[in-house]
């Protein structure tokens, strides 16, 4: 049985290396993408400080994403591509690091307490198929080290999971 181990957060690069090792161990041997998304969201929410939401949105069509496994308050179920931070990340084909969501035109406020957001694309050989979304009640919570670390965790999730119907 997997048990998360406490990680020192003073060195972000080391923190994310250790968290990546834990995520690999957690997902080892499991290929189900939904189960892996649920455990990935839970581990991130448990281990990354100062989050109020961590979860997935998956493309259901070229125009819309639907909520996947997450940790935190109930969330918006559907997000149009090009809308909000998540939809903009998919439209632009890139991760989005937003220091203050109140400064982002068209931000979708699923939880009014959220102030900063980090959205990382989920991609495989066929292109983007969703996002991993993190919210924090603290403005400026995320930086480039967080982005690099979460992008690595997203890649681990994608590599561990099967997305065949």
C-alpha atoms as a PDB file:
ATOM      1  CA  UNK A   1       0.000   0.000   0.000  1.00  0.00           C
ATOM      2  CA  UNK A   2       1.261   3.476  -0.912  1.00  0.00           C
ATOM      3  CA  UNK A   3       1.768   6.093   1.788  1.00  0.00           C
ATOM      4  CA  UNK A   4       2.922   9.610   0.940  1.00  0.00           C
ATOM      5  CA  UNK A   5       6.051  10.682   2.781  1.00  0.00           C
ATOM      6  CA  UNK A   6       6.550  14.239   4.002  1.00  0.00           C
ATOM      7  CA  UNK A   7       8.882  16.283   1.811  1.00  0.00           C
ATOM      8  CA  UNK A   8      10.837  19.396   2.763  1.00  0.00           C
ATOM      9  CA  UNK A   9       9.450  22.280   0.705  1.00  0.00           C
ATOM     10  CA  UNK A  10      12.289  24.785   1.198  1.00  0.00           C
ATOM     11  CA  UNK A  11      14.049  23.724  -2.036  1.00  0.00           C
ATOM     12  CA  UNK A  12      11.344  23.588  -4.727  1.00  0.00           C
ATOM     13  CA  UNK A  13      13.441  21.700  -7.264  1.00  0.00           C
ATOM     14  CA  UNK A  14      14.240  18.983  -4.714  1.00  0.00           C
ATOM     15  CA  UNK A  15      10.621  18.981  -3.516  1.00  0.00           C
ATOM     16  CA  UNK A  16       9.301  18.308  -7.020  1.00  0.00           C
ATOM     17  CA  UNK A  17      11.966  15.643  -7.679  1.00  0.00           C
ATOM     18  CA  UNK A  18      10.867  13.833  -4.516  1.00  0.00           C
ATOM     19  CA  UNK A  19       7.191  14.303  -5.359  1.00  0.00           C
ATOM     20  CA  UNK A  20       7.822  12.889  -8.863  1.00  0.00           C
ATOM     21  CA  UNK A  21       9.419   9.811  -7.292  1.00  0.00           C
ATOM     22  CA  UNK A  22       6.375   9.362  -5.054  1.00  0.00           C
ATOM     23  CA  UNK A  23       3.954   9.806  -7.972  1.00  0.00           C
ATOM     24  CA  UNK A  24       5.814   7.196 -10.042  1.00  0.00           C
ATOM     25  CA  UNK A  25       5.558   4.756  -7.131  1.00  0.00           C
ATOM     26  CA  UNK A  26       1.861   5.542  -6.634  1.00  0.00           C
ATOM     27  CA  UNK A  27       0.985   4.969 -10.303  1.00  0.00           C
ATOM     28  CA  UNK A  28       3.318   2.005 -10.850  1.00  0.00           C
ATOM     29  CA  UNK A  29       1.471  -0.900 -12.436  1.00  0.00           C
ATOM     30  CA  UNK A  30      -1.832   0.947 -12.896  1.00  0.00           C
ATOM     31  CA  UNK A  31      -2.834   1.997 -16.433  1.00  0.00           C
ATOM     32  CA  UNK A  32      -6.390   3.257 -15.853  1.00  0.00           C
ATOM     33  CA  UNK A  33      -6.359   6.973 -16.702  1.00  0.00           C
ATOM     34  CA  UNK A  34      -9.237   7.893 -14.378  1.00  0.00           C
ATOM     35  CA  UNK A  35      -7.804   6.036 -11.385  1.00  0.00           C
ATOM     36  CA  UNK A  36      -4.401   7.582 -12.081  1.00  0.00           C
ATOM     37  CA  UNK A  37      -5.904  11.074 -12.415  1.00  0.00           C
ATOM     38  CA  UNK A  38      -7.706  10.630  -9.090  1.00  0.00           C
ATOM     39  CA  UNK A  39      -4.539   9.550  -7.288  1.00  0.00           C
ATOM     40  CA  UNK A  40      -2.430  12.223  -8.987  1.00  0.00           C
ATOM     41  CA  UNK A  41      -4.862  14.961  -7.918  1.00  0.00           C
ATOM     42  CA  UNK A  42      -5.008  13.578  -4.381  1.00  0.00           C
ATOM     43  CA  UNK A  43      -1.227  13.372  -4.012  1.00  0.00           C
ATOM     44  CA  UNK A  44      -0.690  16.890  -5.365  1.00  0.00           C
ATOM     45  CA  UNK A  45      -3.436  18.313  -3.142  1.00  0.00           C
ATOM     46  CA  UNK A  46      -1.978  16.544  -0.089  1.00  0.00           C
ATOM     47  CA  UNK A  47       1.659  17.430  -0.700  1.00  0.00           C
ATOM     48  CA  UNK A  48       1.818  20.816  -2.453  1.00  0.00           C
ATOM     49  CA  UNK A  49       1.360  23.614   0.083  1.00  0.00           C
ATOM     50  CA  UNK A  50      -1.243  26.360  -0.156  1.00  0.00           C
ATOM     51  CA  UNK A  51      -3.653  24.825  -2.666  1.00  0.00           C
ATOM     52  CA  UNK A  52      -7.425  25.019  -2.531  1.00  0.00           C
ATOM     53  CA  UNK A  53      -8.005  22.928  -5.677  1.00  0.00           C
ATOM     54  CA  UNK A  54      -6.107  20.392  -7.780  1.00  0.00           C
ATOM     55  CA  UNK A  55      -7.626  18.420 -10.603  1.00  0.00           C
ATOM     56  CA  UNK A  56      -8.158  17.533 -14.217  1.00  0.00           C
ATOM     57  CA  UNK A  57     -10.246  18.671 -17.143  1.00  0.00           C
ATOM     58  CA  UNK A  58     -10.399  16.441 -20.226  1.00  0.00           C
ATOM     59  CA  UNK A  59     -11.298  17.438 -23.784  1.00  0.00           C
ATOM     60  CA  UNK A  60     -14.631  15.938 -24.818  1.00  0.00           C
ATOM     61  CA  UNK A  61     -14.609  17.698 -28.201  1.00  0.00           C
ATOM     62  CA  UNK A  62     -12.569  20.342 -29.997  1.00  0.00           C
ATOM     63  CA  UNK A  63     -14.692  22.962 -28.235  1.00  0.00           C
ATOM     64  CA  UNK A  64     -15.167  21.743 -24.663  1.00  0.00           C
ATOM     65  CA  UNK A  65     -13.501  20.170 -21.637  1.00  0.00           C
ATOM     66  CA  UNK A  66     -15.296  18.253 -18.908  1.00  0.00           C
ATOM     67  CA  UNK A  67     -14.318  17.971 -15.260  1.00  0.00           C
ATOM     68  CA  UNK A  68     -12.271  14.934 -14.252  1.00  0.00           C
ATOM     69  CA  UNK A  69     -10.990  13.734 -10.879  1.00  0.00           C
ATOM     70  CA  UNK A  70     -10.085  16.506  -8.442  1.00  0.00           C
ATOM     71  CA  UNK A  71      -9.570  17.503  -4.815  1.00  0.00           C
ATOM     72  CA  UNK A  72     -11.177  20.627  -3.362  1.00  0.00           C
ATOM     73  CA  UNK A  73     -14.570  22.308  -3.503  1.00  0.00           C
ATOM     74  CA  UNK A  74     -17.077  21.357  -6.207  1.00  0.00           C
ATOM     75  CA  UNK A  75     -15.970  22.789  -9.544  1.00  0.00           C
ATOM     76  CA  UNK A  76     -17.258  24.018 -12.876  1.00  0.00           C
ATOM     77  CA  UNK A  77     -18.212  20.941 -14.877  1.00  0.00           C
ATOM     78  CA  UNK A  78     -17.703  22.229 -18.431  1.00  0.00           C
ATOM     79  CA  UNK A  79     -15.177  24.740 -19.743  1.00  0.00           C
ATOM     80  CA  UNK A  80     -15.154  25.905 -23.345  1.00  0.00           C
ATOM     81  CA  UNK A  81     -11.829  25.864 -25.168  1.00  0.00           C
ATOM     82  CA  UNK A  82     -10.616  29.459 -25.213  1.00  0.00           C
ATOM     83  CA  UNK A  83     -12.488  30.410 -22.021  1.00  0.00           C
ATOM     84  CA  UNK A  84     -10.924  30.931 -18.605  1.00  0.00           C
ATOM     85  CA  UNK A  85      -7.364  29.940 -17.788  1.00  0.00           C
ATOM     86  CA  UNK A  86      -7.906  26.236 -18.552  1.00  0.00           C
ATOM     87  CA  UNK A  87      -9.602  26.821 -21.892  1.00  0.00           C
ATOM     88  CA  UNK A  88      -7.007  29.416 -22.879  1.00  0.00           C
ATOM     89  CA  UNK A  89      -4.181  26.977 -22.094  1.00  0.00           C
ATOM     90  CA  UNK A  90      -5.706  24.457 -24.506  1.00  0.00           C
ATOM     91  CA  UNK A  91      -6.386  27.081 -27.175  1.00  0.00           C
ATOM     92  CA  UNK A  92      -2.807  28.420 -26.986  1.00  0.00           C
ATOM     93  CA  UNK A  93      -1.244  24.971 -26.551  1.00  0.00           C
ATOM     94  CA  UNK A  94       0.805  25.988 -23.512  1.00  0.00           C
ATOM     95  CA  UNK A  95       0.918  26.002 -19.741  1.00  0.00           C
ATOM     96  CA  UNK A  96      -0.496  29.083 -18.016  1.00  0.00           C
ATOM     97  CA  UNK A  97       0.897  30.560 -14.794  1.00  0.00           C
ATOM     98  CA  UNK A  98      -1.401  33.288 -13.474  1.00  0.00           C
ATOM     99  CA  UNK A  99      -0.152  35.318 -10.500  1.00  0.00           C
ATOM    100  CA  UNK A 100      -3.582  36.891  -9.816  1.00  0.00           C
ATOM    101  CA  UNK A 101      -6.677  35.509 -11.511  1.00  0.00           C
ATOM    102  CA  UNK A 102      -8.465  38.835 -10.964  1.00  0.00           C
ATOM    103  CA  UNK A 103      -6.090  40.275 -13.583  1.00  0.00           C
ATOM    104  CA  UNK A 104      -6.913  37.537 -16.142  1.00  0.00           C
ATOM    105  CA  UNK A 105      -9.673  38.632 -18.530  1.00  0.00           C
ATOM    106  CA  UNK A 106     -12.449  36.061 -18.607  1.00  0.00           C
ATOM    107  CA  UNK A 107     -11.297  34.124 -15.540  1.00  0.00           C
ATOM    108  CA  UNK A 108     -13.894  31.531 -14.539  1.00  0.00           C
ATOM    109  CA  UNK A 109     -14.319  31.673 -10.769  1.00  0.00           C
ATOM    110  CA  UNK A 110     -15.394  28.191  -9.670  1.00  0.00           C
ATOM    111  CA  UNK A 111     -14.165  29.071  -6.141  1.00  0.00           C
ATOM    112  CA  UNK A 112     -14.180  32.769  -5.272  1.00  0.00           C
ATOM    113  CA  UNK A 113     -11.303  32.157  -2.828  1.00  0.00           C
ATOM    114  CA  UNK A 114      -8.876  31.283  -5.645  1.00  0.00           C
ATOM    115  CA  UNK A 115      -6.346  34.016  -6.404  1.00  0.00           C
ATOM    116  CA  UNK A 116      -3.596  32.321  -8.427  1.00  0.00           C
ATOM    117  CA  UNK A 117      -3.684  29.451 -10.883  1.00  0.00           C
ATOM    118  CA  UNK A 118      -1.326  27.088 -12.663  1.00  0.00           C
ATOM    119  CA  UNK A 119      -2.640  25.113 -15.636  1.00  0.00           C
ATOM    120  CA  UNK A 120      -0.485  22.489 -17.354  1.00  0.00           C
ATOM    121  CA  UNK A 121      -1.396  20.819 -20.652  1.00  0.00           C
ATOM    122  CA  UNK A 122      -1.828  17.073 -20.823  1.00  0.00           C
ATOM    123  CA  UNK A 123      -0.350  15.914 -24.126  1.00  0.00           C
ATOM    124  CA  UNK A 124       0.398  12.665 -25.880  1.00  0.00           C
ATOM    125  CA  UNK A 125       1.486  11.844 -29.435  1.00  0.00           C
ATOM    126  CA  UNK A 126      -1.915  12.989 -30.733  1.00  0.00           C
ATOM    127  CA  UNK A 127      -1.666  16.407 -29.042  1.00  0.00           C
ATOM    128  CA  UNK A 128      -3.363  18.024 -26.059  1.00  0.00           C
ATOM    129  CA  UNK A 129      -6.233  16.102 -24.479  1.00  0.00           C
ATOM    130  CA  UNK A 130      -6.777  18.023 -21.250  1.00  0.00           C
ATOM    131  CA  UNK A 131      -5.222  19.984 -18.431  1.00  0.00           C
ATOM    132  CA  UNK A 132      -4.014  19.595 -14.880  1.00  0.00           C
ATOM    133  CA  UNK A 133      -5.259  22.643 -12.953  1.00  0.00           C
ATOM    134  CA  UNK A 134      -4.036  23.958  -9.589  1.00  0.00           C
ATOM    135  CA  UNK A 135      -5.602  26.863  -7.693  1.00  0.00           C
ATOM    136  CA  UNK A 136      -4.387  28.710  -4.609  1.00  0.00           C
ATOM    137  CA  UNK A 137      -6.012  31.288  -2.362  1.00  0.00           C
ATOM    138  CA  UNK A 138      -2.659  33.145  -2.294  1.00  0.00           C
ATOM    139  CA  UNK A 139      -1.821  35.682  -5.007  1.00  0.00           C
ATOM    140  CA  UNK A 140       1.523  34.872  -6.638  1.00  0.00           C
ATOM    141  CA  UNK A 141       1.582  31.353  -5.164  1.00  0.00           C
ATOM    142  CA  UNK A 142       3.046  29.732  -8.293  1.00  0.00           C
ATOM    143  CA  UNK A 143       6.369  30.432  -9.997  1.00  0.00           C
ATOM    144  CA  UNK A 144       8.449  28.895 -12.777  1.00  0.00           C
ATOM    145  CA  UNK A 145       9.789  26.192 -10.423  1.00  0.00           C
ATOM    146  CA  UNK A 146       6.207  25.139  -9.639  1.00  0.00           C
ATOM    147  CA  UNK A 147       5.371  25.131 -13.331  1.00  0.00           C
ATOM    148  CA  UNK A 148       8.373  22.949 -14.192  1.00  0.00           C
ATOM    149  CA  UNK A 149       7.583  20.579 -11.315  1.00  0.00           C
ATOM    150  CA  UNK A 150       3.898  20.234 -12.174  1.00  0.00           C
ATOM    151  CA  UNK A 151       4.717  19.763 -15.867  1.00  0.00           C
ATOM    152  CA  UNK A 152       6.938  16.839 -14.846  1.00  0.00           C
ATOM    153  CA  UNK A 153       4.128  15.358 -12.718  1.00  0.00           C
ATOM    154  CA  UNK A 154       1.701  15.730 -15.634  1.00  0.00           C
ATOM    155  CA  UNK A 155       4.162  13.898 -17.897  1.00  0.00           C
ATOM    156  CA  UNK A 156       4.435  11.079 -15.344  1.00  0.00           C
ATOM    157  CA  UNK A 157       0.626  10.806 -15.251  1.00  0.00           C
ATOM    158  CA  UNK A 158       0.422  10.676 -19.067  1.00  0.00           C
ATOM    159  CA  UNK A 159       3.205   8.086 -19.355  1.00  0.00           C
ATOM    160  CA  UNK A 160       1.645   5.858 -16.697  1.00  0.00           C
ATOM    161  CA  UNK A 161      -1.879   5.923 -18.133  1.00  0.00           C
ATOM    162  CA  UNK A 162      -3.682   4.308 -21.031  1.00  0.00           C
ATOM    163  CA  UNK A 163      -6.054   6.545 -22.980  1.00  0.00           C
ATOM    164  CA  UNK A 164      -7.490   3.973 -25.362  1.00  0.00           C
ATOM    165  CA  UNK A 165     -11.274   3.647 -25.402  1.00  0.00           C
END
